[in-house]
Amino acid sequence: RTESIRIMGGATKSAVWMKILSAVLPVPIFKMQVTDTCAVGAAVLALCGEGCFSSYREAAQNFAHGVYLETDSEFREYYNEKYEKQKSLLQYLAEWKGGDRS
């Protein structure tokens, strides 16, 4: 079972996208502080290679900073309503496609 999701990269720069994700995903979202995670990952590997950290886990713990996103319950409810409408529309279309339309 997934307990949380870590999100990184350019998408984290969009407050709207972060709000939508925190509303529709059923687990807490941890937004990484650094958006250029590929460069940070390369630096972590280099530092481990130079012996600056005893393990990759130790190095990652020193660089993986961020915050958990707050979920707006009204926003979540809004998207849940939209999702339920979409499911009923898909069900209707599936029945229409398979049914007799003569």
Protein backbone atom coordinates (compact mmCIF):
# COMPACT_ATOMS: atom_id res chain seq x y z
CA ARG A 1 0.00 0.00 0.00
CA THR A 2 1.29 3.44 -0.92
CA GLU A 3 1.49 5.67 2.15
CA SER A 4 2.51 8.90 0.40
CA ILE A 5 3.70 10.26 -2.92
CA ARG A 6 6.79 12.40 -3.47
CA ILE A 7 6.46 14.84 -6.31
CA MET A 8 9.26 16.79 -7.93
CA GLY A 9 10.24 18.60 -11.08
CA GLY A 10 8.67 21.40 -13.03
CA ALA A 11 5.09 20.48 -12.14
CA THR A 12 5.76 21.48 -8.53
CA LYS A 13 6.08 25.11 -9.64
CA SER A 14 2.35 25.23 -10.44
CA ALA A 15 0.25 25.95 -7.34
CA VAL A 16 -2.91 25.01 -9.25
CA TRP A 17 -1.54 21.63 -10.33
CA MET A 18 -0.39 20.89 -6.77
CA LYS A 19 -3.84 21.80 -5.43
CA ILE A 20 -5.54 19.51 -7.95
CA LEU A 21 -3.21 16.60 -7.18
CA SER A 22 -3.66 16.97 -3.43
CA ALA A 23 -7.43 16.94 -3.96
CA VAL A 24 -7.67 13.89 -6.23
CA LEU A 25 -4.96 11.57 -4.91
CA PRO A 26 -6.00 9.49 -1.91
CA VAL A 27 -2.64 9.70 -0.10
CA PRO A 28 -0.56 12.58 1.29
CA ILE A 29 1.70 14.33 -1.22
CA PHE A 30 5.23 15.36 -0.28
CA LYS A 31 6.40 18.22 -2.50
CA MET A 32 10.17 18.24 -2.84
CA GLN A 33 11.80 21.59 -2.12
CA VAL A 34 14.24 21.28 -5.02
CA THR A 35 12.69 21.08 -8.48
CA ASP A 36 15.90 20.11 -10.30
CA THR A 37 16.01 16.68 -8.75
CA CYS A 38 18.03 15.06 -11.55
CA ALA A 39 20.94 17.41 -10.87
CA VAL A 40 20.61 16.86 -7.12
CA GLY A 41 20.54 13.09 -7.65
CA ALA A 42 23.74 13.27 -9.68
CA ALA A 43 25.37 15.35 -6.95
CA VAL A 44 24.27 12.85 -4.29
CA LEU A 45 25.79 9.98 -6.28
CA ALA A 46 29.04 11.94 -6.70
CA LEU A 47 29.18 12.75 -2.98
CA CYS A 48 28.63 9.09 -2.13
CA GLY A 49 31.37 8.13 -4.57
CA GLU A 50 33.74 10.55 -2.84
CA GLY A 51 32.92 9.03 0.54
CA CYS A 52 31.11 12.08 1.94
CA PHE A 53 28.25 9.86 3.09
CA SER A 54 28.27 6.31 4.39
CA SER A 55 25.29 5.26 2.25
CA TYR A 56 22.92 6.46 -0.44
CA ARG A 57 20.14 6.49 2.15
CA GLU A 58 22.11 8.84 4.39
CA ALA A 59 22.85 11.13 1.46
CA ALA A 60 19.23 11.16 0.31
CA GLN A 61 18.04 12.02 3.82
CA ASN A 62 20.31 15.07 3.76
CA PHE A 63 18.91 16.32 0.45
CA ALA A 64 15.26 15.22 0.41
CA HIS A 65 13.60 18.28 1.94
CA GLY A 66 10.10 19.47 1.28
CA VAL A 67 6.61 19.85 2.67
CA TYR A 68 3.40 17.85 2.77
CA LEU A 69 0.64 19.56 0.80
CA GLU A 70 -2.55 20.53 2.58
CA THR A 71 -5.79 19.15 1.15
CA ASP A 72 -8.76 21.46 0.72
CA SER A 73 -11.82 19.32 1.58
CA GLU A 74 -14.16 21.48 -0.54
CA PHE A 75 -11.82 21.13 -3.52
CA ARG A 76 -11.66 17.35 -2.96
CA GLU A 77 -15.45 17.17 -2.83
CA TYR A 78 -15.68 19.19 -6.08
CA TYR A 79 -13.41 16.74 -7.91
CA ASN A 80 -15.13 13.71 -6.41
CA GLU A 81 -18.45 14.99 -7.79
CA LYS A 82 -16.87 15.49 -11.24
CA TYR A 83 -15.39 11.99 -11.07
CA GLU A 84 -18.74 10.42 -10.22
CA LYS A 85 -20.36 12.23 -13.17
CA GLN A 86 -17.61 11.00 -15.45
CA LYS A 87 -18.08 7.41 -14.28
CA SER A 88 -21.83 7.57 -14.90
CA LEU A 89 -21.27 9.07 -18.35
CA LEU A 90 -18.80 6.30 -19.23
CA GLN A 91 -21.28 3.70 -18.00
CA TYR A 92 -24.01 5.27 -20.14
CA LEU A 93 -21.76 5.31 -23.20
CA ALA A 94 -20.74 1.69 -22.64
CA GLU A 95 -24.40 0.66 -22.47
CA TRP A 96 -25.27 2.79 -25.49
CA LYS A 97 -22.43 1.30 -27.52
CA GLY A 98 -23.43 -2.25 -26.68
CA GLY A 99 -27.21 -1.75 -26.78
CA ASP A 100 -29.80 -1.88 -29.53
CA ARG A 101 -30.19 1.60 -31.09
CA SER A 102 -32.68 0.72 -33.82
